[in-house]
Protein backbone atom coordinates (compact mmCIF):
# COMPACT_ATOMS: atom_id res chain seq x y z
CA UNK A 1 -0.01 -0.04 -0.06
CA UNK A 2 1.57 3.34 -0.94
CA UNK A 3 1.90 6.08 1.57
CA UNK A 4 2.65 9.79 1.62
CA UNK A 5 6.44 9.30 2.00
CA UNK A 6 6.48 7.07 -1.13
CA UNK A 7 5.88 10.29 -3.10
CA UNK A 8 7.18 13.16 -0.99
CA UNK A 9 10.02 12.96 1.45
CA UNK A 10 9.24 13.57 5.23
CA UNK A 11 11.27 16.70 5.39
CA UNK A 12 9.14 18.42 2.74
CA UNK A 13 6.03 17.40 4.32
CA UNK A 14 7.32 18.60 7.70
CA UNK A 15 8.07 22.03 6.14
CA UNK A 16 4.66 22.21 4.46
CA UNK A 17 3.01 21.49 7.76
CA UNK A 18 5.08 24.02 9.64
CA UNK A 19 4.03 26.67 7.09
CA UNK A 20 0.35 25.84 7.53
CA UNK A 21 0.71 26.02 11.28
CA UNK A 22 2.50 29.12 11.22
CA UNK A 23 -0.03 31.01 9.07
CA UNK A 24 -3.20 29.64 10.48
CA UNK A 25 -2.31 29.18 14.08
CA UNK A 26 -3.83 25.67 13.75
CA UNK A 27 -1.97 22.52 14.64
CA UNK A 28 -2.23 19.91 11.96
CA UNK A 29 -0.50 16.47 11.69
CA UNK A 30 0.20 14.32 8.57
CA UNK A 31 -0.47 10.62 8.76
CA UNK A 32 0.27 7.82 6.32
CA UNK A 33 -2.29 5.47 4.80
CA UNK A 34 -1.56 2.97 7.59
CA UNK A 35 -2.53 5.56 10.26
CA UNK A 36 1.09 6.22 11.42
CA UNK A 37 2.30 9.84 11.72
CA UNK A 38 4.77 10.88 9.11
CA UNK A 39 5.60 14.41 10.67
CA UNK A 40 6.28 15.83 14.04
CA UNK A 41 3.97 18.29 15.77
CA UNK A 42 4.70 21.84 14.51
CA UNK A 43 3.38 23.51 17.78
CA UNK A 44 3.91 22.10 21.22
CA UNK A 45 0.68 21.54 23.14
CA UNK A 46 1.24 22.77 26.75
CA UNK A 47 -2.34 22.57 27.91
CA UNK A 48 -4.15 19.16 27.15
CA UNK A 49 -7.38 21.13 27.34
CA UNK A 50 -6.58 22.96 24.22
CA UNK A 51 -6.91 19.68 22.27
CA UNK A 52 -10.12 18.86 20.35
CA UNK A 53 -12.42 16.67 22.36
CA UNK A 54 -15.33 14.35 21.60
CA UNK A 55 -15.54 12.86 18.15
CA UNK A 56 -12.60 12.31 15.98
CA UNK A 57 -10.98 15.59 15.06
CA UNK A 58 -11.52 16.99 11.52
CA UNK A 59 -9.51 15.17 8.90
CA UNK A 60 -9.13 15.04 5.03
CA UNK A 61 -7.70 12.25 2.95
CA UNK A 62 -4.95 12.60 0.38
CA UNK A 63 -5.78 10.63 -2.77
CA UNK A 64 -3.34 9.91 -5.63
CA UNK A 65 -4.61 7.92 -8.67
CA UNK A 66 -7.55 6.72 -6.71
CA UNK A 67 -5.69 5.43 -3.71
CA UNK A 68 -5.70 6.88 -0.28
CA UNK A 69 -2.02 7.60 0.58
CA UNK A 70 -2.43 9.65 3.80
CA UNK A 71 -4.55 11.93 5.84
CA UNK A 72 -4.39 15.49 7.23
CA UNK A 73 -5.67 15.69 10.83
CA UNK A 74 -6.57 18.94 12.70
CA UNK A 75 -5.20 18.25 16.17
CA UNK A 76 -5.70 21.83 17.55
CA UNK A 77 -7.99 24.48 16.10
CA UNK A 78 -6.74 28.05 15.25
CA UNK A 79 -7.66 30.91 17.52
CA UNK A 80 -11.04 32.36 16.91
CA UNK A 81 -11.49 35.32 14.52
CA UNK A 82 -9.72 36.38 11.31
CA UNK A 83 -10.43 33.16 9.34
CA UNK A 84 -10.75 34.76 6.09
CA UNK A 85 -7.38 36.54 6.62
CA UNK A 86 -5.61 33.44 7.67
CA UNK A 87 -6.97 31.62 4.58
CA UNK A 88 -5.61 34.39 2.35
CA UNK A 89 -2.22 34.10 4.21
CA UNK A 90 -2.17 30.37 3.77
CA UNK A 91 -2.95 30.57 0.04
CA UNK A 92 -0.10 33.07 -0.36
CA UNK A 93 2.32 30.90 1.75
CA UNK A 94 1.45 27.84 -0.35
CA UNK A 95 1.71 29.75 -3.63
CA UNK A 96 -1.85 28.81 -4.52
CA UNK A 97 -4.45 31.03 -6.20
CA UNK A 98 -6.92 32.33 -3.46
CA UNK A 99 -9.78 31.06 -5.50
CA UNK A 100 -8.59 27.44 -5.05
CA UNK A 101 -9.19 27.88 -1.37
CA UNK A 102 -12.90 28.32 -1.77
CA UNK A 103 -13.06 25.65 -4.50
CA UNK A 104 -11.65 23.11 -2.01
CA UNK A 105 -14.96 23.39 -0.12
CA UNK A 106 -16.50 21.05 -2.78
CA UNK A 107 -13.84 18.36 -1.94
CA UNK A 108 -14.99 18.34 1.83
CA UNK A 109 -18.65 18.74 1.51
CA UNK A 110 -20.68 21.70 2.89
CA UNK A 111 -19.25 22.52 6.30
CA UNK A 112 -21.13 24.31 8.91
CA UNK A 113 -19.96 27.78 9.76
CA UNK A 114 -18.29 26.77 13.01
CA UNK A 115 -15.45 24.78 11.37
CA UNK A 116 -15.55 26.44 7.88
CA UNK A 117 -11.96 27.77 8.18
CA UNK A 118 -10.58 24.52 9.57
CA UNK A 119 -12.12 22.44 6.80
CA UNK A 120 -11.00 24.89 4.07
CA UNK A 121 -7.59 24.88 5.51
CA UNK A 122 -7.47 21.04 5.56
CA UNK A 123 -8.95 20.69 2.07
CA UNK A 124 -6.52 23.21 0.60
CA UNK A 125 -3.55 21.66 2.28
CA UNK A 126 -4.62 18.13 1.06
CA UNK A 127 -4.84 19.47 -2.51
CA UNK A 128 -1.26 20.89 -2.28
CA UNK A 129 0.07 17.66 -0.99
CA UNK A 130 -1.85 15.68 -3.69
CA UNK A 131 -0.36 17.81 -6.32
CA UNK A 132 3.14 17.43 -4.84
CA UNK A 133 2.57 13.66 -4.88
CA UNK A 134 1.28 13.65 -8.42
CA UNK A 135 4.13 15.72 -9.71
CA UNK A 136 6.58 13.45 -7.85
CA UNK A 137 4.95 10.38 -9.28
CA UNK A 138 5.10 11.78 -12.86
CA UNK A 139 8.72 12.71 -12.39
CA UNK A 140 9.59 9.27 -11.14
CA UNK A 141 7.64 7.68 -14.00
CA UNK A 142 9.57 9.74 -16.49
CA UNK A 143 12.90 8.99 -14.93
CA UNK A 144 12.12 5.38 -14.89
CA UNK A 145 11.03 5.50 -18.48
CA UNK A 146 14.04 7.33 -19.67
CA UNK A 147 16.31 4.96 -17.60
CA UNK A 148 14.54 1.96 -19.35
CA UNK A 149 14.91 3.55 -22.79
CA UNK A 150 18.50 4.25 -22.07
CA UNK A 151 19.19 0.62 -21.20
CA UNK A 152 17.06 -0.58 -24.18
CA UNK A 153 19.01 1.77 -26.61
CA UNK A 154 22.24 0.38 -25.25
CA UNK A 155 20.94 -3.27 -25.51
CA UNK A 156 19.54 -2.80 -29.05
CA UNK A 157 22.68 -1.06 -30.27
CA UNK A 158 24.85 -4.07 -29.24
CA UNK A 159 22.63 -6.45 -31.33
CA UNK A 160 23.03 -6.64 -35.06
CA UNK A 161 21.48 -10.11 -35.39
CA UNK A 162 17.82 -9.76 -36.38
CA UNK A 163 16.65 -12.79 -34.58
CA UNK A 164 18.32 -11.77 -31.39
CA UNK A 165 17.02 -8.19 -31.59
CA UNK A 166 13.44 -9.39 -31.87
CA UNK A 167 14.03 -11.93 -28.99
CA UNK A 168 15.44 -9.20 -26.84
CA UNK A 169 12.40 -6.78 -27.54
CA UNK A 170 9.82 -9.30 -26.52
CA UNK A 171 11.61 -10.47 -23.37
CA UNK A 172 12.27 -6.89 -22.39
CA UNK A 173 8.79 -5.64 -22.70
CA UNK A 174 7.49 -8.57 -20.53
CA UNK A 175 10.07 -7.95 -17.91
CA UNK A 176 9.59 -4.22 -17.71
CA UNK A 177 5.75 -4.10 -17.88
CA UNK A 178 4.92 -7.40 -16.06
CA UNK A 179 2.48 -8.48 -18.76
CA UNK A 180 1.69 -12.17 -19.52
CA UNK A 181 3.09 -12.42 -22.94
CA UNK A 182 4.48 -10.45 -25.89
CA UNK A 183 5.04 -11.03 -29.71
CA UNK A 184 6.40 -9.21 -32.59
CA UNK A 185 4.91 -9.53 -36.09
CA UNK A 186 6.89 -8.04 -39.04
CA UNK A 187 5.11 -6.74 -42.14
CA UNK A 188 5.80 -8.57 -45.38
CA UNK A 189 5.43 -5.92 -47.99
CA UNK A 190 4.85 -8.51 -50.90
CA UNK A 191 2.12 -10.51 -49.29
CA UNK A 192 0.88 -7.82 -46.82
CA UNK A 193 1.04 -10.32 -43.99
CA UNK A 194 2.03 -9.66 -40.45
CA UNK A 195 4.16 -12.73 -39.90
CA UNK A 196 5.16 -13.76 -36.46
CA UNK A 197 8.90 -13.44 -35.84
CA UNK A 198 9.43 -13.32 -32.17
CA UNK A 199 7.28 -14.52 -29.09
CA UNK A 200 7.50 -15.04 -25.39
CA UNK A 201 5.12 -16.94 -23.21
CA UNK A 202 2.68 -17.97 -25.94
CA UNK A 203 1.92 -21.55 -26.88
CA UNK A 204 2.54 -23.05 -30.26
CA UNK A 205 -1.01 -23.77 -30.51
CA UNK A 206 -1.89 -20.16 -30.34
CA UNK A 207 0.83 -19.12 -32.71
CA UNK A 208 -0.60 -21.60 -35.22
CA UNK A 209 -4.07 -20.02 -35.08
CA UNK A 210 -3.90 -18.65 -38.61
CA UNK A 211 -2.42 -15.76 -40.82
CA UNK A 212 -2.89 -12.15 -40.01
CA UNK A 213 -3.17 -10.08 -43.16
CA UNK A 214 -3.12 -6.27 -42.87
CA UNK A 215 -6.21 -5.76 -44.82
CA UNK A 216 -8.21 -8.03 -42.39
CA UNK A 217 -6.74 -6.61 -39.16
CA UNK A 218 -8.65 -3.57 -37.99
CA UNK A 219 -6.33 -3.19 -34.98
CA UNK A 220 -3.16 -3.21 -36.81
CA UNK A 221 -4.49 -0.78 -39.46
CA UNK A 222 -5.52 1.51 -36.78
CA UNK A 223 -2.19 1.31 -35.13
CA UNK A 224 -0.33 2.09 -38.43
CA UNK A 225 -2.70 4.92 -39.48
CA UNK A 226 -2.62 6.74 -36.17
CA UNK A 227 0.89 5.80 -35.16
CA UNK A 228 -0.42 5.24 -31.56
CA UNK A 229 -0.83 2.33 -29.33
CA UNK A 230 -4.23 0.63 -29.61
CA UNK A 231 -5.83 -0.78 -26.49
CA UNK A 232 -7.96 -3.92 -26.36
CA UNK A 233 -9.89 -4.28 -23.08
CA UNK A 234 -10.87 -7.94 -23.78
CA UNK A 235 -9.60 -9.95 -26.55
CA UNK A 236 -12.11 -12.51 -25.97
CA UNK A 237 -15.14 -10.22 -26.66
CA UNK A 238 -13.90 -7.45 -28.88
CA UNK A 239 -15.23 -7.65 -32.46
CA UNK A 240 -12.03 -6.17 -33.85
CA UNK A 241 -10.04 -9.34 -32.72
CA UNK A 242 -9.55 -11.93 -35.45
CA UNK A 243 -9.18 -14.98 -33.30
CA UNK A 244 -11.22 -14.48 -30.04
CA UNK A 245 -11.68 -18.18 -29.40
CA UNK A 246 -8.05 -18.82 -29.53
CA UNK A 247 -7.41 -15.85 -27.20
CA UNK A 248 -9.76 -17.43 -24.75
CA UNK A 249 -8.17 -20.79 -24.87
CA UNK A 250 -4.76 -19.15 -24.32
CA UNK A 251 -6.12 -17.12 -21.47
CA UNK A 252 -5.50 -13.71 -22.99
CA UNK A 253 -7.69 -10.72 -21.90
CA UNK A 254 -6.46 -7.28 -22.36
CA UNK A 255 -3.75 -6.28 -25.03
CA UNK A 256 -1.84 -3.37 -26.42
CA UNK A 257 -0.85 -3.13 -30.19
CA UNK A 258 2.00 -0.82 -30.75
CA UNK A 259 3.10 -0.06 -34.26
CA UNK A 260 6.66 -0.48 -35.27
CA UNK A 261 7.22 2.46 -37.63
CA UNK A 262 10.57 3.72 -38.92
CA UNK A 263 10.74 6.97 -40.84
CA UNK A 264 7.06 6.83 -41.56
CA UNK A 265 7.09 3.33 -42.98
CA UNK A 266 5.38 0.39 -41.17
CA UNK A 267 7.78 -2.30 -40.16
CA UNK A 268 5.50 -4.51 -37.90
CA UNK A 269 3.62 -4.57 -34.66
CA UNK A 270 4.60 -5.20 -31.03
CA UNK A 271 1.69 -6.85 -29.11
CA UNK A 272 1.61 -7.23 -25.31
CA UNK A 273 -1.09 -9.39 -23.56
CA UNK A 274 -2.30 -9.85 -20.04
CA UNK A 275 -4.02 -12.79 -18.32
CA UNK A 276 -6.63 -10.50 -16.58
CA UNK A 277 -8.68 -7.51 -17.79
CA UNK A 278 -6.37 -4.51 -17.22
CA UNK A 279 -6.65 -0.83 -17.76
CA UNK A 280 -3.17 0.28 -18.61
CA UNK A 281 -1.88 3.52 -17.14
CA UNK A 282 -0.66 6.36 -19.40
CA UNK A 283 2.84 5.59 -18.12
CA UNK A 284 2.62 1.98 -19.21
CA UNK A 285 1.17 2.84 -22.58
CA UNK A 286 3.80 5.58 -23.07
CA UNK A 287 6.61 2.97 -22.07
CA UNK A 288 5.37 0.44 -24.53
CA UNK A 289 5.13 3.01 -27.37
CA UNK A 290 8.75 4.13 -26.52
CA UNK A 291 9.98 0.58 -26.66
CA UNK A 292 8.19 -0.03 -30.04
CA UNK A 293 9.88 3.06 -31.38
CA UNK A 294 13.28 1.93 -30.21
CA UNK A 295 12.62 -1.59 -31.51
CA UNK A 296 11.57 -0.27 -34.93
CA UNK A 297 14.82 1.38 -35.39
CA UNK A 298 16.68 -1.57 -34.04
CA UNK A 299 14.90 -3.89 -36.37
CA UNK A 300 15.48 -1.85 -39.44
CA UNK A 301 19.21 -1.53 -38.41
CA UNK A 302 19.50 -5.20 -38.08
CA UNK A 303 17.79 -5.91 -41.42
CA UNK A 304 20.14 -3.44 -43.06
CA UNK A 305 23.17 -5.26 -41.48
CA UNK A 306 21.85 -8.55 -42.67
CA UNK A 307 21.36 -7.28 -46.25
CA UNK A 308 24.84 -5.87 -46.23
CA UNK A 309 26.17 -9.23 -45.16
CA UNK A 310 24.23 -10.85 -47.86
CA UNK A 311 25.49 -8.31 -50.49
CA UNK A 312 29.03 -8.90 -49.37
CA UNK A 313 28.50 -12.63 -49.71
CA UNK A 314 26.95 -12.24 -53.07
CA UNK A 315 29.91 -9.94 -54.17
CA UNK A 316 32.43 -12.58 -53.07
CA UNK A 317 30.45 -15.19 -55.04
CA UNK A 318 30.39 -12.85 -58.04
CA UNK A 319 34.01 -12.30 -57.81
CA UNK A 320 34.66 -16.01 -57.63
CA UNK A 321 32.44 -16.66 -60.62
CA UNK A 322 34.14 -13.89 -62.54
CA UNK A 323 37.47 -15.47 -61.88
CA UNK A 324 36.04 -18.83 -63.11
CA UNK A 325 34.56 -17.14 -66.14
CA UNK A 326 37.79 -15.45 -67.08
CA UNK A 327 39.51 -18.74 -67.10
CA UNK A 328 37.11 -19.75 -69.92
CA UNK A 329 38.41 -16.89 -72.04
CA UNK A 330 41.81 -17.52 -73.73
CA UNK A 331 44.44 -15.48 -71.91
CA UNK A 332 46.03 -14.78 -75.22
CA UNK A 333 45.63 -15.85 -78.89
CA UNK A 334 47.61 -18.89 -80.09
CA UNK A 335 50.76 -18.21 -82.23
CA UNK A 336 50.27 -19.84 -85.54
CA UNK A 337 52.21 -19.61 -88.79
CA UNK A 338 50.30 -17.44 -91.39
CA UNK A 339 47.96 -15.78 -88.87
CA UNK A 340 48.17 -12.73 -86.66
CA UNK A 341 45.53 -13.01 -84.09
CA UNK A 342 44.19 -10.50 -81.44
CA UNK A 343 41.25 -10.18 -79.04
CA UNK A 344 39.79 -7.59 -76.80
CA UNK A 345 37.39 -8.52 -73.96
CA UNK A 346 35.76 -5.70 -71.99
CA UNK A 347 32.80 -6.83 -69.85
CA UNK A 348 30.49 -4.16 -68.53
CA UNK A 349 29.78 -6.23 -65.32
CA UNK A 350 31.80 -8.72 -63.36
CA UNK A 351 29.89 -11.54 -64.96
CA UNK A 352 29.77 -11.28 -68.63
CA UNK A 353 27.48 -12.91 -71.46
CA UNK A 354 30.17 -12.50 -74.08
CA UNK A 355 32.79 -15.04 -74.86
CA UNK A 356 35.32 -15.77 -77.57
CA UNK A 357 37.43 -18.82 -78.04
CA UNK A 358 40.36 -20.24 -80.19
CA UNK A 359 39.95 -24.03 -80.49
CA UNK A 360 42.91 -25.90 -81.98
CA UNK A 361 41.55 -28.80 -84.13
CA UNK A 362 43.22 -31.74 -85.75
CA UNK A 363 45.07 -31.58 -89.21
CA UNK A 364 46.19 -27.98 -88.70
CA UNK A 365 42.68 -26.40 -88.23
CA UNK A 366 41.84 -23.56 -85.89
CA UNK A 367 38.33 -22.98 -84.72
CA UNK A 368 37.28 -19.34 -84.14
CA UNK A 369 34.14 -18.35 -82.27
CA UNK A 370 32.51 -15.36 -80.76
CA UNK A 371 29.23 -15.39 -78.85
CA UNK A 372 26.70 -12.98 -77.23
CA UNK A 373 24.09 -14.24 -74.91
CA UNK A 374 20.94 -12.39 -74.00
CA UNK A 375 21.03 -10.34 -70.74
CA UNK A 376 23.64 -9.40 -68.37
CA UNK A 377 25.00 -10.55 -64.95
CA UNK A 378 24.70 -14.01 -63.53
CA UNK A 379 22.00 -15.37 -65.89
CA UNK A 380 23.95 -14.30 -68.88
CA UNK A 381 27.17 -15.84 -67.39
CA UNK A 382 25.43 -19.20 -66.78
CA UNK A 383 24.06 -19.31 -70.27
CA UNK A 384 27.39 -18.20 -71.76
CA UNK A 385 28.99 -21.22 -69.92
CA UNK A 386 26.40 -23.57 -71.23
CA UNK A 387 26.89 -22.52 -74.87
CA UNK A 388 30.57 -22.70 -74.61
CA UNK A 389 30.57 -26.17 -73.08
CA UNK A 390 28.04 -27.36 -75.66
CA UNK A 391 30.15 -26.01 -78.61
CA UNK A 392 33.36 -27.52 -77.34
CA UNK A 393 31.62 -30.86 -76.78
CA UNK A 394 30.46 -31.15 -80.33
CA UNK A 395 33.44 -29.65 -82.29
CA UNK A 396 35.61 -32.43 -80.94
CA UNK A 397 34.25 -35.14 -83.15
CA UNK A 398 32.29 -33.22 -85.85
CA UNK A 399 33.59 -31.30 -88.84
CA UNK A 400 30.29 -30.25 -90.33
CA UNK A 401 29.75 -26.71 -89.05
CA UNK A 402 26.02 -26.77 -89.99
CA UNK A 403 25.45 -29.88 -87.79
CA UNK A 404 27.56 -28.48 -85.00
CA UNK A 405 25.29 -25.35 -84.71
CA UNK A 406 22.14 -27.56 -85.12
CA UNK A 407 23.15 -29.65 -82.12
CA UNK A 408 24.20 -26.67 -79.98
CA UNK A 409 20.84 -25.09 -80.76
CA UNK A 410 18.81 -28.24 -79.79
CA UNK A 411 20.74 -28.52 -76.52
CA UNK A 412 20.09 -24.88 -75.66
CA UNK A 413 16.39 -25.22 -76.60
CA UNK A 414 15.98 -28.23 -74.38
CA UNK A 415 17.86 -26.85 -71.42
CA UNK A 416 16.89 -23.14 -71.24
CA UNK A 417 13.76 -20.94 -71.30
CA UNK A 418 12.31 -19.70 -74.46
CA UNK A 419 13.32 -16.22 -73.52
CA UNK A 420 16.92 -17.20 -73.21
CA UNK A 421 18.96 -17.16 -76.49
CA UNK A 422 22.46 -16.52 -77.73
CA UNK A 423 24.02 -15.31 -81.02
CA UNK A 424 27.27 -17.22 -82.19
CA UNK A 425 29.59 -17.06 -85.03
CA UNK A 426 31.81 -20.19 -85.52
CA UNK A 427 34.38 -20.52 -88.20
CA UNK A 428 37.22 -23.03 -88.93
CA UNK A 429 40.42 -21.90 -90.73
CA UNK A 430 42.15 -24.64 -92.63
CA UNK A 431 45.79 -23.57 -92.30
CA UNK A 432 47.37 -25.74 -94.87
CA UNK A 433 44.84 -24.66 -97.54
CA UNK A 434 44.27 -21.17 -96.10
CA UNK A 435 40.43 -21.29 -96.23
CA UNK A 436 37.68 -20.23 -93.86
CA UNK A 437 34.54 -22.16 -93.45
CA UNK A 438 32.03 -20.56 -91.24
CA UNK A 439 28.28 -20.53 -90.05
CA UNK A 440 26.60 -17.61 -88.41
CA UNK A 441 23.80 -18.19 -85.81
CA UNK A 442 22.13 -14.69 -85.59
CA UNK A 443 25.40 -12.88 -84.62
CA UNK A 444 26.50 -9.48 -85.81
CA UNK A 445 28.04 -10.42 -89.27
CA UNK A 446 31.86 -10.22 -89.07
CA UNK A 447 33.56 -8.03 -91.47
CA UNK A 448 35.75 -9.61 -94.18
CA UNK A 449 38.25 -6.92 -95.54
CA UNK A 450 40.10 -7.55 -98.63
CA UNK A 451 41.86 -4.92 -100.93
CA UNK A 452 39.97 -2.04 -99.40
CA UNK A 453 36.57 -3.75 -99.68
CA UNK A 454 34.48 -4.70 -96.77
CA UNK A 455 31.72 -7.34 -96.87
CA UNK A 456 29.75 -9.04 -93.94
CA UNK A 457 29.82 -12.84 -93.31
CA UNK A 458 26.18 -13.68 -93.17
CA UNK A 459 25.76 -17.28 -94.03
CA UNK A 460 24.02 -19.32 -91.26
CA UNK A 461 20.61 -19.07 -89.67
CA UNK A 462 18.65 -17.80 -86.60
CA UNK A 463 19.82 -17.31 -83.03
CA UNK A 464 20.46 -20.30 -80.77
CA UNK A 465 17.91 -21.46 -78.19
CA UNK A 466 14.67 -20.35 -79.85
CA UNK A 467 13.67 -22.83 -82.62
CA UNK A 468 14.69 -26.44 -82.00
CA UNK A 469 14.30 -27.35 -85.81
CA UNK A 470 16.43 -24.37 -87.06
CA UNK A 471 19.07 -25.37 -89.76
CA UNK A 472 22.23 -23.41 -90.55
CA UNK A 473 23.99 -22.91 -93.84
CA UNK A 474 27.77 -22.42 -94.16
CA UNK A 475 30.14 -20.69 -96.50
CA UNK A 476 33.77 -21.31 -97.43
CA UNK A 477 36.05 -18.38 -98.23
CA UNK A 478 39.53 -18.67 -99.70
CA UNK A 479 42.05 -16.60 -97.78
CA UNK A 480 45.11 -14.80 -99.01
CA UNK A 481 47.78 -12.63 -97.51
CA UNK A 482 46.52 -9.23 -96.31
CA UNK A 483 42.92 -10.42 -95.63
CA UNK A 484 41.45 -9.31 -92.35
CA UNK A 485 38.44 -10.71 -90.37
CA UNK A 486 36.93 -8.42 -87.72
CA UNK A 487 34.45 -10.28 -85.27
CA UNK A 488 32.62 -8.17 -82.67
CA UNK A 489 29.63 -8.35 -80.29
CA UNK A 490 26.85 -5.81 -80.48
CA UNK A 491 28.35 -3.89 -77.48
CA UNK A 492 30.71 -2.37 -80.07
CA UNK A 493 28.08 -1.60 -82.71
CA UNK A 494 25.39 -0.47 -80.25
CA UNK A 495 27.61 1.93 -78.15
CA UNK A 496 25.74 5.22 -77.57
CA UNK A 497 26.89 8.76 -77.28
CA UNK A 498 25.24 11.56 -75.32
CA UNK A 499 22.98 12.36 -78.30
CA UNK A 500 21.60 8.79 -78.17
CA UNK A 501 23.26 7.85 -81.41
CA UNK A 502 24.80 4.41 -82.03
CA UNK A 503 28.32 3.85 -83.14
CA UNK A 504 26.69 1.78 -85.80
CA UNK A 505 27.74 -0.65 -88.58
CA UNK A 506 29.16 2.06 -90.91
CA UNK A 507 31.49 3.53 -88.28
CA UNK A 508 32.72 0.15 -87.34
CA UNK A 509 33.46 -0.70 -91.03
CA UNK A 510 35.01 2.67 -91.65
CA UNK A 511 37.25 2.44 -88.47
CA UNK A 512 38.28 -1.24 -89.46
CA UNK A 513 39.13 -0.24 -93.05
CA UNK A 514 41.20 2.71 -91.86
CA UNK A 515 43.13 0.60 -89.40
CA UNK A 516 43.90 -1.98 -92.15
CA UNK A 517 44.91 0.71 -94.60
CA UNK A 518 47.38 2.04 -91.99
CA UNK A 519 48.96 -1.39 -91.98
CA UNK A 520 48.25 -1.96 -88.36
CA UNK A 521 48.60 -5.43 -86.98
CA UNK A 522 45.73 -7.55 -85.62
CA UNK A 523 46.24 -6.04 -82.07
CA UNK A 524 46.43 -2.44 -83.43
CA UNK A 525 43.29 -2.87 -85.44
CA UNK A 526 41.38 -4.20 -82.37
CA UNK A 527 42.70 -1.29 -80.28
CA UNK A 528 41.91 1.31 -82.97
CA UNK A 529 38.28 0.08 -83.17
CA UNK A 530 37.98 0.24 -79.30
CA UNK A 531 39.40 3.65 -79.34
CA UNK A 532 37.14 4.99 -81.99
CA UNK A 533 34.13 3.62 -80.22
CA UNK A 534 35.15 5.19 -76.88
CA UNK A 535 36.04 8.44 -78.64
CA UNK A 536 32.47 8.47 -80.07
CA UNK A 537 30.56 7.52 -76.77
CA UNK A 538 32.57 9.94 -74.64
CA UNK A 539 32.11 9.60 -70.83
CA UNK A 540 28.79 7.85 -71.36
CA UNK A 541 28.48 4.59 -69.38
CA UNK A 542 28.80 1.38 -71.42
CA UNK A 543 25.53 -0.50 -71.53
CA UNK A 544 26.80 -3.78 -72.74
CA UNK A 545 29.94 -6.05 -72.90
CA UNK A 546 32.37 -5.49 -75.74
CA UNK A 547 34.29 -8.23 -77.35
CA UNK A 548 36.50 -8.18 -80.45
CA UNK A 549 38.40 -10.87 -82.34
CA UNK A 550 40.74 -9.85 -85.32
CA UNK A 551 42.26 -12.28 -87.66
CA UNK A 552 44.94 -11.04 -90.14
CA UNK A 553 46.38 -13.30 -92.81
CA UNK A 554 50.21 -12.78 -93.02
């Protein structure tokens, strides 16, 4: 049972009592709720005859938050006369508006004229003490709340693991508020479901009661829309509750639903439950709201930390995949008599959809291929690896280029989605006879440059991976000294400048022809083409991979 000294220290009460006695001439005494005095007499009583006789002396109770915490007892009345003046003096000494003195009459009933001053004085003093008690209680509540929030902030800041943060929140709110149970539901923005993520003191049966979708939950919507804690007096009989029967089986009565909101965006909801019908105090509601606010920030921080860790892990995986993919690309062209070979490989991302290859074949033949698969990043990289593996698997025992591309296409159609496709140019140079046989599967036609003339190599068919029954034609070109073949992916042709113009086929052909006329070797031709493309595009970001292969007959 709370008493006066739980709110105001005895020294302050003694000082207040002394002021009243000094101003009014009446001796009062302060008692606790248990009937024991909490102050010393302000005026010594020399003559027992001066004490009030008969029935119990006048007294007034001091009530804080509906509970009696003490009484003020008139042990000796003030001298007769001057009641109004003494009441004015008392009001001034207690720093209270004089009008409050008369208003206090309503708190003690309608006194008769004989003890009017005494009852007014007692009521006014009781009101002053009640205010002191109330202010002290509010101050202590605020200090306790701030202390709790400080501890929570320290506790949450030390946790970056989301599961541990959630578990810490529900356990903390139960420990601090003394409720029966608590739970946290986080909002899934894709499904609009409030999914249970942390719980304490709730049974598995209750947790399995069913889904809670935001559109169906009046309580959660109200909490998110207002940003305030929603009170449920009795979960078993409130029409807003989705599962009242399950709440009854669990023994849940009252509840608070506190929104978890971070920077205006709903994160989830913190729910606290009691086993008995409870009217939460303003302090308890304020504390739960403050915990929810702290928890929302801690949850988002932990989620961002987890996303950062996942991003780092993905980055490491991408770097590993990029290393593996680079190993699929020849480090340098082979050195063969009669040929000057060069290649440029500039991926726009770590994982590329482009590849080129030089494949040494029996009887002095050299396979040449360049490929560009649809898309970018990891999907494109996986498709690129599949095309390369399929091509290499078939060129080992087949010499018919049309059949090789037909088989690669069928494999790709069987193993990939219809939306996944690749363009590929594959040619074989017969070194002893100096001839090129090729087939083009929808790729940007390579440029064949001879004696200042440029023509595209177009024989073949459609892209790989779309039409299983596709067929591919082939062409054989006799080679002679000075001939140049330029193979490129569309990243070169489609490079854009700041005027949204493409580098285009004509500029590629002109740049290649200029490089050949200057007598540049294969590496010089490739670098010249890349330089002209970059000079055209300026500082505009590249949107695609750029791959070049140059063959010069010497």
